[in-house]
Amino acid sequence: SDHCGMYPRQDQIPRMKKLNIMLSCNPNFINRSTPWLSVYGIDKANRISPFGSLIKGGVIPSTEYEGLGCGGGECVTPTTFLYKEITRQNDKGDAIGKGEAIDRVSALKTTTIWPAYYTLREKEIGSLEPGKLADFVVFNKDYMTVPEPEIPTSYALMTVLGGKVVSLRDEYAKEAGMAAVGPQLKLGFKTNVDLNVSVEVGATD
């Protein structure tokens, strides 16, 4: 199942676990679905991409990256989406459904090993171990240790799939004495979403 724009409800999660349902949830709905809280109520905030409740309930969520906005040579860093999972902040800085926040390790799993299960390829991809494809990235900074506000500014300098370099940013290529590979996208750290509708979030969890 995809998106998690305003679902699942908390009471549906045990049944999802029983049926072995896996979800691909888009943390950018913390932006896109927030205006609807003025219609359905702020108490429904924990239905928007509820990563925390899913993990606690034993349901494996993956990060869906629809809406990165990579047209015209520009793109939002994927870690911008992970930052939303960790802080639950929309682009206004409002924390939406704070009880659904997850830690950095879990957020990283939502974009590595758990999507491998989601695509039924966990024996081939998702982790670095013998017998699996050599898929990995080299980051510009340590996602695990940078101050939380800097998480969106961490991004892949090099991407390797099956042992082949498919993307190498110019700044790293020069340092390594190599030629750049792939599109050299201009990177941004905020999603482009209309947040003109104001919602009072207060201290609601």
N, C-alpha and C. Protein backbone atom coordinates (compact mmCIF):
# COMPACT_ATOMS: atom_id res chain seq x y z
N SER A 1 0.85 -1.18 0.00
CA SER A 1 0.00 0.00 0.00
C SER A 1 0.89 1.24 0.00
N ASP A 2 0.43 2.29 -0.64
CA ASP A 2 1.26 3.49 -0.84
C ASP A 2 0.69 4.75 -0.19
N HIS A 3 1.55 5.73 -0.05
CA HIS A 3 1.27 7.14 0.27
C HIS A 3 1.08 7.44 1.76
N CYS A 4 0.09 6.82 2.44
CA CYS A 4 -0.18 7.11 3.86
C CYS A 4 -0.54 8.57 4.08
N GLY A 5 -1.27 9.15 3.14
CA GLY A 5 -1.63 10.56 3.24
C GLY A 5 -2.43 10.88 4.49
N MET A 6 -3.38 10.03 4.85
CA MET A 6 -4.16 10.23 6.07
C MET A 6 -4.58 8.86 6.63
N TYR A 7 -3.70 7.90 6.47
CA TYR A 7 -3.99 6.55 6.97
C TYR A 7 -2.67 5.81 7.19
N PRO A 8 -2.66 4.71 7.92
CA PRO A 8 -3.81 4.04 8.51
C PRO A 8 -4.21 4.62 9.86
N ARG A 9 -5.43 4.29 10.28
CA ARG A 9 -5.83 4.59 11.65
C ARG A 9 -5.07 3.67 12.59
N GLN A 10 -4.91 4.10 13.83
CA GLN A 10 -4.16 3.30 14.80
C GLN A 10 -4.78 1.92 15.00
N ASP A 11 -6.11 1.85 14.97
CA ASP A 11 -6.77 0.57 15.23
C ASP A 11 -6.65 -0.41 14.06
N GLN A 12 -6.19 0.07 12.90
CA GLN A 12 -6.03 -0.81 11.74
C GLN A 12 -4.67 -1.50 11.71
N ILE A 13 -3.72 -0.98 12.48
CA ILE A 13 -2.34 -1.48 12.40
C ILE A 13 -2.20 -2.94 12.83
N PRO A 14 -2.84 -3.39 13.92
CA PRO A 14 -2.71 -4.81 14.28
C PRO A 14 -3.19 -5.75 13.16
N ARG A 15 -4.25 -5.38 12.47
CA ARG A 15 -4.75 -6.22 11.37
C ARG A 15 -3.77 -6.21 10.20
N MET A 16 -3.15 -5.05 9.95
CA MET A 16 -2.14 -4.97 8.89
C MET A 16 -0.97 -5.91 9.19
N LYS A 17 -0.56 -5.92 10.46
CA LYS A 17 0.53 -6.83 10.85
C LYS A 17 0.12 -8.28 10.64
N LYS A 18 -1.10 -8.62 11.05
CA LYS A 18 -1.59 -9.98 10.91
C LYS A 18 -1.62 -10.42 9.44
N LEU A 19 -1.97 -9.49 8.55
CA LEU A 19 -2.06 -9.79 7.12
C LEU A 19 -0.73 -9.58 6.40
N ASN A 20 0.31 -9.19 7.15
CA ASN A 20 1.64 -8.95 6.58
C ASN A 20 1.61 -7.88 5.49
N ILE A 21 0.84 -6.83 5.73
CA ILE A 21 0.77 -5.70 4.79
C ILE A 21 1.97 -4.79 5.01
N MET A 22 2.61 -4.39 3.92
CA MET A 22 3.73 -3.45 3.99
C MET A 22 3.30 -2.14 3.34
N LEU A 23 3.81 -1.04 3.86
CA LEU A 23 3.42 0.26 3.36
C LEU A 23 4.62 1.08 2.90
N SER A 24 4.39 1.86 1.86
CA SER A 24 5.35 2.85 1.40
C SER A 24 4.74 4.21 1.73
N CYS A 25 5.27 4.87 2.75
CA CYS A 25 4.68 6.11 3.24
C CYS A 25 5.50 7.33 2.84
N ASN A 26 4.81 8.38 2.48
CA ASN A 26 5.48 9.60 2.03
C ASN A 26 5.48 10.64 3.14
N PRO A 27 6.64 10.91 3.74
CA PRO A 27 6.69 11.90 4.83
C PRO A 27 6.34 13.31 4.37
N ASN A 28 6.35 13.55 3.05
CA ASN A 28 6.00 14.88 2.56
C ASN A 28 4.51 15.17 2.75
N PHE A 29 3.73 14.15 3.07
CA PHE A 29 2.33 14.40 3.38
C PHE A 29 2.19 15.16 4.69
N ILE A 30 3.27 15.24 5.47
CA ILE A 30 3.25 16.12 6.64
C ILE A 30 3.04 17.56 6.17
N ASN A 31 3.44 17.85 4.95
CA ASN A 31 3.09 19.12 4.31
C ASN A 31 1.71 19.04 3.67
N ARG A 32 1.54 18.07 2.79
CA ARG A 32 0.39 18.05 1.90
C ARG A 32 -0.93 17.79 2.60
N SER A 33 -0.92 17.00 3.66
CA SER A 33 -2.18 16.67 4.34
C SER A 33 -2.51 17.59 5.50
N THR A 34 -1.53 18.37 5.96
CA THR A 34 -1.76 19.26 7.11
C THR A 34 -2.96 20.19 6.91
N PRO A 35 -3.14 20.83 5.73
CA PRO A 35 -4.31 21.71 5.57
C PRO A 35 -5.64 21.00 5.82
N TRP A 36 -5.71 19.69 5.59
CA TRP A 36 -6.95 18.95 5.80
C TRP A 36 -7.29 18.78 7.27
N LEU A 37 -6.31 19.02 8.14
CA LEU A 37 -6.60 18.92 9.57
C LEU A 37 -7.58 20.00 10.02
N SER A 38 -7.64 21.09 9.26
CA SER A 38 -8.61 22.13 9.58
C SER A 38 -10.03 21.66 9.29
N VAL A 39 -10.15 20.60 8.47
CA VAL A 39 -11.45 20.03 8.15
C VAL A 39 -11.77 18.85 9.07
N TYR A 40 -10.78 17.94 9.22
CA TYR A 40 -11.03 16.70 9.95
C TYR A 40 -10.63 16.76 11.43
N GLY A 41 -9.84 17.76 11.81
CA GLY A 41 -9.46 17.90 13.21
C GLY A 41 -8.00 17.58 13.45
N ILE A 42 -7.36 18.36 14.32
CA ILE A 42 -5.94 18.20 14.61
C ILE A 42 -5.66 16.86 15.26
N ASP A 43 -6.68 16.23 15.86
CA ASP A 43 -6.48 14.93 16.49
C ASP A 43 -6.21 13.83 15.46
N LYS A 44 -6.41 14.14 14.17
CA LYS A 44 -6.12 13.16 13.11
C LYS A 44 -4.68 13.26 12.62
N ALA A 45 -3.86 14.12 13.24
CA ALA A 45 -2.48 14.31 12.78
C ALA A 45 -1.67 13.02 12.84
N ASN A 46 -2.02 12.14 13.78
CA ASN A 46 -1.26 10.89 13.89
C ASN A 46 -1.63 9.87 12.81
N ARG A 47 -2.51 10.26 11.90
CA ARG A 47 -2.81 9.40 10.75
C ARG A 47 -1.95 9.76 9.53
N ILE A 48 -1.26 10.88 9.60
CA ILE A 48 -0.46 11.32 8.45
C ILE A 48 0.90 10.62 8.51
N SER A 49 1.14 9.73 7.54
CA SER A 49 2.40 8.98 7.49
C SER A 49 2.84 8.56 8.89
N PRO A 50 2.09 7.68 9.54
CA PRO A 50 2.35 7.35 10.95
C PRO A 50 3.49 6.34 11.14
N PHE A 51 4.70 6.74 10.79
CA PHE A 51 5.85 5.85 10.85
C PHE A 51 6.03 5.25 12.26
N GLY A 52 5.92 6.10 13.28
CA GLY A 52 6.14 5.64 14.64
C GLY A 52 5.19 4.53 15.04
N SER A 53 3.90 4.72 14.80
CA SER A 53 2.91 3.72 15.19
C SER A 53 3.06 2.44 14.38
N LEU A 54 3.42 2.58 13.11
CA LEU A 54 3.60 1.40 12.27
C LEU A 54 4.75 0.54 12.80
N ILE A 55 5.87 1.18 13.09
CA ILE A 55 7.04 0.44 13.58
C ILE A 55 6.73 -0.22 14.91
N LYS A 56 6.11 0.52 15.83
CA LYS A 56 5.76 -0.04 17.13
C LYS A 56 4.79 -1.20 16.98
N GLY A 57 3.92 -1.13 15.96
CA GLY A 57 2.93 -2.17 15.74
C GLY A 57 3.44 -3.34 14.92
N GLY A 58 4.73 -3.32 14.54
CA GLY A 58 5.30 -4.44 13.81
C GLY A 58 5.04 -4.43 12.32
N VAL A 59 4.60 -3.29 11.78
CA VAL A 59 4.39 -3.15 10.34
C VAL A 59 5.58 -2.41 9.74
N ILE A 60 6.15 -2.96 8.68
CA ILE A 60 7.37 -2.39 8.10
C ILE A 60 7.01 -1.26 7.12
N PRO A 61 7.41 -0.01 7.42
CA PRO A 61 7.17 1.08 6.47
C PRO A 61 8.42 1.43 5.67
N SER A 62 8.23 1.77 4.42
CA SER A 62 9.31 2.28 3.58
C SER A 62 9.04 3.74 3.27
N THR A 63 10.10 4.48 2.97
CA THR A 63 9.93 5.88 2.58
C THR A 63 9.62 5.97 1.10
N GLU A 64 8.53 6.66 0.80
CA GLU A 64 8.16 6.93 -0.60
C GLU A 64 8.68 8.32 -0.96
N TYR A 65 9.34 8.40 -2.11
CA TYR A 65 9.98 9.67 -2.48
C TYR A 65 9.25 10.42 -3.57
N GLU A 66 7.97 10.14 -3.77
CA GLU A 66 7.19 10.94 -4.70
C GLU A 66 7.17 12.39 -4.21
N GLY A 67 7.43 13.33 -5.10
CA GLY A 67 7.39 14.73 -4.71
C GLY A 67 8.74 15.33 -4.39
N LEU A 68 9.82 14.63 -4.79
CA LEU A 68 11.15 15.23 -4.60
C LEU A 68 11.31 16.47 -5.47
N GLY A 69 10.55 16.54 -6.55
CA GLY A 69 10.59 17.72 -7.40
C GLY A 69 11.88 17.87 -8.17
N CYS A 70 12.27 16.81 -8.87
CA CYS A 70 13.57 16.81 -9.55
C CYS A 70 13.49 17.27 -11.00
N GLY A 71 12.54 18.12 -11.31
CA GLY A 71 12.45 18.65 -12.67
C GLY A 71 13.31 19.88 -12.85
N GLY A 72 13.70 20.16 -14.10
CA GLY A 72 14.44 21.38 -14.42
C GLY A 72 15.83 21.45 -13.84
N GLY A 73 16.43 20.29 -13.54
CA GLY A 73 17.80 20.29 -13.05
C GLY A 73 17.94 20.56 -11.57
N GLU A 74 16.83 20.65 -10.85
CA GLU A 74 16.88 20.87 -9.41
C GLU A 74 16.19 19.73 -8.69
N CYS A 75 16.59 19.49 -7.45
CA CYS A 75 16.02 18.37 -6.70
C CYS A 75 16.17 18.60 -5.20
N VAL A 76 15.19 18.13 -4.44
CA VAL A 76 15.28 18.16 -2.99
C VAL A 76 16.10 16.95 -2.54
N THR A 77 16.93 17.12 -1.54
CA THR A 77 17.70 15.98 -1.04
C THR A 77 16.76 14.95 -0.43
N PRO A 78 17.00 13.66 -0.68
CA PRO A 78 16.17 12.63 -0.05
C PRO A 78 16.19 12.72 1.48
N THR A 79 17.28 13.19 2.06
CA THR A 79 17.34 13.29 3.52
C THR A 79 16.38 14.36 4.06
N THR A 80 15.89 15.24 3.18
CA THR A 80 14.85 16.19 3.59
C THR A 80 13.61 15.42 4.02
N PHE A 81 13.31 14.33 3.30
CA PHE A 81 12.16 13.51 3.65
C PHE A 81 12.42 12.76 4.96
N LEU A 82 13.65 12.25 5.13
CA LEU A 82 13.98 11.55 6.37
C LEU A 82 13.90 12.51 7.56
N TYR A 83 14.32 13.75 7.33
CA TYR A 83 14.24 14.77 8.38
C TYR A 83 12.80 14.95 8.86
N LYS A 84 11.86 14.89 7.94
CA LYS A 84 10.45 15.02 8.31
C LYS A 84 10.01 13.83 9.16
N GLU A 85 10.52 12.65 8.86
CA GLU A 85 10.18 11.47 9.67
C GLU A 85 10.72 11.62 11.09
N ILE A 86 11.89 12.21 11.21
CA ILE A 86 12.58 12.33 12.50
C ILE A 86 12.00 13.46 13.35
N THR A 87 11.66 14.58 12.72
CA THR A 87 11.19 15.75 13.46
C THR A 87 9.69 15.98 13.37
N ARG A 88 9.06 15.41 12.32
CA ARG A 88 7.65 15.62 12.01
C ARG A 88 7.36 17.08 11.68
N GLN A 89 8.38 17.83 11.29
CA GLN A 89 8.18 19.24 10.94
C GLN A 89 7.81 19.39 9.48
N ASN A 90 6.78 20.20 9.24
CA ASN A 90 6.48 20.57 7.86
C ASN A 90 7.38 21.75 7.47
N ASP A 91 7.20 22.25 6.26
CA ASP A 91 8.09 23.31 5.78
C ASP A 91 7.87 24.65 6.47
N LYS A 92 6.81 24.76 7.25
CA LYS A 92 6.60 25.95 8.07
C LYS A 92 7.33 25.85 9.41
N GLY A 93 7.78 24.64 9.73
CA GLY A 93 8.42 24.42 11.02
C GLY A 93 7.48 23.92 12.08
N ASP A 94 6.20 23.66 11.70
CA ASP A 94 5.24 23.12 12.65
C ASP A 94 5.44 21.62 12.78
N ALA A 95 5.43 21.10 14.00
CA ALA A 95 5.52 19.66 14.23
C ALA A 95 4.13 19.07 14.18
N ILE A 96 3.91 18.15 13.24
CA ILE A 96 2.60 17.57 13.00
C ILE A 96 2.59 16.12 13.47
N GLY A 97 1.78 15.81 14.46
CA GLY A 97 1.73 14.45 14.97
C GLY A 97 3.06 14.03 15.56
N LYS A 98 3.53 14.77 16.54
CA LYS A 98 4.88 14.55 17.08
C LYS A 98 5.10 13.14 17.61
N GLY A 99 4.03 12.48 18.03
CA GLY A 99 4.16 11.12 18.55
C GLY A 99 4.55 10.10 17.49
N GLU A 100 4.51 10.50 16.22
CA GLU A 100 4.87 9.59 15.12
C GLU A 100 6.33 9.74 14.70
N ALA A 101 7.09 10.58 15.40
CA ALA A 101 8.51 10.77 15.08
C ALA A 101 9.29 9.48 15.32
N ILE A 102 10.32 9.25 14.50
CA ILE A 102 11.18 8.07 14.68
C ILE A 102 12.64 8.52 14.75
N ASP A 103 13.52 7.63 15.17
CA ASP A 103 14.93 7.98 15.30
C ASP A 103 15.66 7.84 13.96
N ARG A 104 16.91 8.29 13.92
CA ARG A 104 17.68 8.30 12.67
C ARG A 104 17.91 6.90 12.11
N VAL A 105 18.18 5.94 12.99
CA VAL A 105 18.44 4.59 12.52
C VAL A 105 17.20 4.02 11.83
N SER A 106 16.04 4.18 12.47
CA SER A 106 14.80 3.69 11.86
C SER A 106 14.52 4.40 10.54
N ALA A 107 14.76 5.72 10.50
CA ALA A 107 14.54 6.46 9.25
C ALA A 107 15.45 5.93 8.15
N LEU A 108 16.69 5.62 8.50
CA LEU A 108 17.61 5.07 7.51
C LEU A 108 17.13 3.71 7.01
N LYS A 109 16.58 2.91 7.91
CA LYS A 109 16.05 1.60 7.50
C LYS A 109 14.88 1.75 6.54
N THR A 110 14.10 2.83 6.70
CA THR A 110 12.95 3.02 5.81
C THR A 110 13.36 3.30 4.37
N THR A 111 14.64 3.58 4.17
CA THR A 111 15.09 3.88 2.81
C THR A 111 16.19 2.93 2.34
N THR A 112 16.47 1.86 3.14
CA THR A 112 17.49 0.88 2.76
C THR A 112 16.93 -0.54 2.82
N ILE A 113 17.01 -1.18 3.98
CA ILE A 113 16.64 -2.58 4.08
C ILE A 113 15.13 -2.81 4.00
N TRP A 114 14.32 -1.92 4.58
CA TRP A 114 12.88 -2.16 4.55
C TRP A 114 12.29 -2.05 3.15
N PRO A 115 12.73 -1.12 2.29
CA PRO A 115 12.23 -1.14 0.91
C PRO A 115 12.60 -2.42 0.15
N ALA A 116 13.70 -3.05 0.57
CA ALA A 116 14.07 -4.32 -0.06
C ALA A 116 12.99 -5.37 0.20
N TYR A 117 12.46 -5.39 1.41
CA TYR A 117 11.34 -6.29 1.72
C TYR A 117 10.09 -5.87 0.96
N TYR A 118 9.87 -4.56 0.89
CA TYR A 118 8.68 -4.03 0.21
C TYR A 118 8.64 -4.45 -1.25
N THR A 119 9.81 -4.51 -1.89
CA THR A 119 9.89 -4.91 -3.30
C THR A 119 10.17 -6.41 -3.46
N LEU A 120 10.15 -7.14 -2.32
CA LEU A 120 10.37 -8.60 -2.31
C LEU A 120 11.74 -8.97 -2.88
N ARG A 121 12.75 -8.13 -2.57
CA ARG A 121 14.11 -8.37 -3.06
C ARG A 121 15.12 -8.33 -1.92
N GLU A 122 14.69 -8.69 -0.73
CA GLU A 122 15.57 -8.60 0.43
C GLU A 122 16.77 -9.53 0.36
N LYS A 123 16.73 -10.53 -0.52
CA LYS A 123 17.88 -11.43 -0.67
C LYS A 123 18.92 -10.87 -1.64
N GLU A 124 18.56 -9.78 -2.34
CA GLU A 124 19.45 -9.20 -3.34
C GLU A 124 19.97 -7.82 -2.97
N ILE A 125 19.16 -7.03 -2.32
CA ILE A 125 19.51 -5.63 -2.05
C ILE A 125 19.12 -5.25 -0.62
N GLY A 126 19.47 -4.03 -0.23
CA GLY A 126 19.00 -3.49 1.04
C GLY A 126 20.03 -3.44 2.14
N SER A 127 21.05 -4.29 2.07
CA SER A 127 22.12 -4.29 3.07
C SER A 127 23.39 -4.75 2.39
N LEU A 128 24.52 -4.40 3.00
CA LEU A 128 25.82 -4.78 2.44
C LEU A 128 26.28 -6.08 3.08
N GLU A 129 26.20 -7.16 2.32
CA GLU A 129 26.64 -8.45 2.81
C GLU A 129 26.91 -9.37 1.63
N PRO A 130 27.72 -10.44 1.84
CA PRO A 130 28.07 -11.34 0.74
C PRO A 130 26.83 -11.90 0.05
N GLY A 131 26.90 -11.94 -1.29
CA GLY A 131 25.81 -12.49 -2.07
C GLY A 131 24.80 -11.47 -2.54
N LYS A 132 24.88 -10.23 -2.02
CA LYS A 132 23.96 -9.18 -2.45
C LYS A 132 24.66 -8.22 -3.41
N LEU A 133 23.85 -7.47 -4.16
CA LEU A 133 24.41 -6.48 -5.08
C LEU A 133 25.14 -5.39 -4.30
N ALA A 134 26.23 -4.91 -4.88
CA ALA A 134 27.02 -3.86 -4.22
C ALA A 134 26.39 -2.50 -4.51
N ASP A 135 25.31 -2.20 -3.81
CA ASP A 135 24.62 -0.93 -3.92
C ASP A 135 24.92 -0.10 -2.68
N PHE A 136 25.52 1.07 -2.87
CA PHE A 136 25.80 1.93 -1.72
C PHE A 136 26.01 3.36 -2.19
N VAL A 137 26.00 4.27 -1.24
CA VAL A 137 26.25 5.69 -1.53
C VAL A 137 27.35 6.22 -0.63
N VAL A 138 28.03 7.27 -1.10
CA VAL A 138 29.01 8.00 -0.30
C VAL A 138 28.41 9.38 -0.02
N PHE A 139 28.24 9.72 1.26
CA PHE A 139 27.61 10.97 1.64
C PHE A 139 28.64 12.09 1.84
N ASN A 140 28.17 13.31 1.76
CA ASN A 140 29.03 14.47 1.97
C ASN A 140 29.31 14.72 3.44
N LYS A 141 28.46 14.17 4.31
CA LYS A 141 28.66 14.30 5.76
C LYS A 141 27.98 13.14 6.45
N ASP A 142 28.27 12.96 7.72
CA ASP A 142 27.76 11.81 8.46
C ASP A 142 26.33 12.06 8.93
N TYR A 143 25.39 11.47 8.24
CA TYR A 143 23.97 11.59 8.55
C TYR A 143 23.68 11.22 10.00
N MET A 144 24.44 10.28 10.56
CA MET A 144 24.16 9.77 11.89
C MET A 144 24.60 10.72 13.01
N THR A 145 25.53 11.62 12.73
CA THR A 145 26.09 12.44 13.80
C THR A 145 25.93 13.95 13.62
N VAL A 146 25.56 14.42 12.43
CA VAL A 146 25.41 15.87 12.24
C VAL A 146 24.27 16.37 13.12
N PRO A 147 24.31 17.64 13.52
CA PRO A 147 23.19 18.20 14.27
C PRO A 147 21.89 18.01 13.48
N GLU A 148 20.82 17.77 14.19
CA GLU A 148 19.55 17.43 13.54
C GLU A 148 19.15 18.40 12.42
N PRO A 149 19.28 19.73 12.62
CA PRO A 149 18.88 20.64 11.54
C PRO A 149 19.70 20.49 10.26
N GLU A 150 20.87 19.84 10.35
CA GLU A 150 21.72 19.65 9.17
C GLU A 150 21.41 18.37 8.40
N ILE A 151 20.52 17.55 8.92
CA ILE A 151 20.22 16.29 8.23
C ILE A 151 19.80 16.53 6.77
N PRO A 152 18.94 17.52 6.47
CA PRO A 152 18.57 17.72 5.06
C PRO A 152 19.73 18.13 4.16
N THR A 153 20.82 18.62 4.76
CA THR A 153 21.96 19.05 3.94
C THR A 153 22.96 17.92 3.71
N SER A 154 22.65 16.72 4.17
CA SER A 154 23.49 15.57 3.87
C SER A 154 22.93 14.88 2.63
N TYR A 155 23.80 14.57 1.69
CA TYR A 155 23.35 14.01 0.42
C TYR A 155 24.43 13.14 -0.19
N ALA A 156 24.06 12.35 -1.17
CA ALA A 156 24.98 11.41 -1.81
C ALA A 156 25.90 12.12 -2.80
N LEU A 157 27.20 11.98 -2.57
CA LEU A 157 28.19 12.47 -3.53
C LEU A 157 28.41 11.43 -4.64
N MET A 158 28.27 10.16 -4.28
CA MET A 158 28.47 9.08 -5.24
C MET A 158 27.46 7.98 -4.97
N THR A 159 26.90 7.44 -6.04
CA THR A 159 25.96 6.32 -5.94
C THR A 159 26.49 5.16 -6.77
N VAL A 160 26.57 4.00 -6.14
CA VAL A 160 27.07 2.79 -6.81
C VAL A 160 25.96 1.74 -6.81
N LEU A 161 25.65 1.21 -7.97
CA LEU A 161 24.65 0.15 -8.11
C LEU A 161 25.30 -1.07 -8.75
N GLY A 162 25.22 -2.19 -8.06
CA GLY A 162 25.80 -3.41 -8.59
C GLY A 162 27.29 -3.29 -8.86
N GLY A 163 27.97 -2.45 -8.05
CA GLY A 163 29.40 -2.26 -8.22
C GLY A 163 29.78 -1.24 -9.28
N LYS A 164 28.79 -0.60 -9.93
CA LYS A 164 29.07 0.38 -10.98
C LYS A 164 28.67 1.78 -10.51
N VAL A 165 29.55 2.75 -10.70
CA VAL A 165 29.25 4.14 -10.34
C VAL A 165 28.23 4.69 -11.34
N VAL A 166 27.05 5.03 -10.86
CA VAL A 166 26.01 5.56 -11.74
C VAL A 166 25.80 7.05 -11.54
N SER A 167 26.34 7.58 -10.43
CA SER A 167 26.25 9.02 -10.18
C SER A 167 27.45 9.46 -9.37
N LEU A 168 28.10 10.51 -9.84
CA LEU A 168 29.26 11.07 -9.14
C LEU A 168 29.21 12.58 -9.28
N ARG A 169 28.99 13.26 -8.17
CA ARG A 169 28.86 14.71 -8.24
C ARG A 169 30.21 15.35 -8.52
N ASP A 170 30.13 16.48 -9.21
CA ASP A 170 31.34 17.15 -9.68
C ASP A 170 32.28 17.51 -8.54
N GLU A 171 31.73 17.96 -7.40
CA GLU A 171 32.60 18.39 -6.30
C GLU A 171 33.43 17.24 -5.74
N TYR A 172 32.87 16.04 -5.74
CA TYR A 172 33.60 14.87 -5.24
C TYR A 172 34.51 14.30 -6.33
N ALA A 173 34.04 14.37 -7.57
CA ALA A 173 34.85 13.86 -8.68
C ALA A 173 36.17 14.61 -8.78
N LYS A 174 36.14 15.92 -8.61
CA LYS A 174 37.37 16.72 -8.68
C LYS A 174 38.34 16.32 -7.56
N GLU A 175 37.79 16.12 -6.37
CA GLU A 175 38.61 15.74 -5.23
C GLU A 175 39.24 14.36 -5.43
N ALA A 176 38.50 13.46 -6.08
CA ALA A 176 38.97 12.10 -6.28
C ALA A 176 39.75 11.93 -7.58
N GLY A 177 39.87 13.01 -8.38
CA GLY A 177 40.58 12.93 -9.64
C GLY A 177 39.86 12.09 -10.68
N MET A 178 38.53 12.15 -10.67
CA MET A 178 37.70 11.37 -11.59
C MET A 178 36.78 12.30 -12.36
N ALA A 179 36.15 11.76 -13.39
CA ALA A 179 35.18 12.52 -14.17
C ALA A 179 33.80 12.38 -13.53
N ALA A 180 33.05 13.47 -13.52
CA ALA A 180 31.69 13.44 -12.97
C ALA A 180 30.83 12.49 -13.79
N VAL A 181 29.87 11.88 -13.13
CA VAL A 181 28.98 10.92 -13.78
C VAL A 181 27.53 11.29 -13.45
N GLY A 182 26.67 11.24 -14.45
CA GLY A 182 25.25 11.48 -14.22
C GLY A 182 24.88 12.95 -14.14
N PRO A 183 23.59 13.25 -13.99
CA PRO A 183 23.13 14.65 -13.92
C PRO A 183 23.65 15.34 -12.67
N GLN A 184 24.06 16.58 -12.83
CA GLN A 184 24.58 17.38 -11.72
C GLN A 184 23.47 18.31 -11.23
N LEU A 185 22.57 17.75 -10.44
CA LEU A 185 21.38 18.47 -10.01
C LEU A 185 21.71 19.53 -8.97
N LYS A 186 21.00 20.65 -9.06
CA LYS A 186 21.07 21.65 -8.00
C LYS A 186 20.21 21.14 -6.85
N LEU A 187 20.76 21.10 -5.65
CA LEU A 187 20.05 20.50 -4.53
C LEU A 187 19.42 21.55 -3.62
N GLY A 188 18.23 21.23 -3.16
CA GLY A 188 17.52 22.10 -2.22
C GLY A 188 17.17 21.30 -0.98
N PHE A 189 16.75 21.97 0.06
CA PHE A 189 16.51 21.32 1.33
C PHE A 189 15.10 21.50 1.86
N LYS A 190 14.25 22.12 1.05
CA LYS A 190 12.85 22.25 1.43
C LYS A 190 11.99 21.87 0.24
N THR A 191 10.85 21.23 0.52
CA THR A 191 9.94 20.87 -0.54
C THR A 191 9.09 22.07 -0.93
N ASN A 192 8.63 22.07 -2.16
CA ASN A 192 7.84 23.19 -2.66
C ASN A 192 6.35 22.85 -2.55
N VAL A 193 5.77 23.17 -1.43
CA VAL A 193 4.38 22.85 -1.16
C VAL A 193 3.67 24.11 -0.68
N ASP A 194 2.45 24.31 -1.19
CA ASP A 194 1.67 25.46 -0.77
C ASP A 194 1.13 25.23 0.64
N LEU A 195 1.64 26.00 1.58
CA LEU A 195 1.19 25.86 2.97
C LEU A 195 0.46 27.11 3.44
N ASN A 196 -0.31 27.71 2.54
CA ASN A 196 -1.00 28.95 2.88
C ASN A 196 -2.12 28.73 3.89
N VAL A 197 -2.63 27.51 3.96
CA VAL A 197 -3.68 27.23 4.94
C VAL A 197 -3.05 27.09 6.31
N SER A 198 -3.47 27.91 7.23
CA SER A 198 -2.88 27.90 8.58
C SER A 198 -3.65 26.93 9.47
N VAL A 199 -2.92 26.10 10.19
CA VAL A 199 -3.52 25.16 11.13
C VAL A 199 -2.87 25.36 12.49
N GLU A 200 -3.67 25.49 13.53
CA GLU A 200 -3.14 25.64 14.87
C GLU A 200 -2.79 24.27 15.41
N VAL A 201 -1.49 23.99 15.54
CA VAL A 201 -1.07 22.65 15.98
C VAL A 201 -0.83 22.61 17.48
N GLY A 202 -0.47 23.72 18.08
CA GLY A 202 -0.27 23.78 19.52
C GLY A 202 0.63 22.67 20.02
N ALA A 203 0.28 22.08 21.13
CA ALA A 203 1.08 21.02 21.73
C ALA A 203 0.46 19.65 21.48
N THR A 204 -0.48 19.60 20.55
CA THR A 204 -1.18 18.32 20.27
C THR A 204 -0.20 17.28 19.78
N ASP A 205 -0.32 16.10 20.30
CA ASP A 205 0.56 15.00 19.90
C ASP A 205 -0.10 14.27 18.74
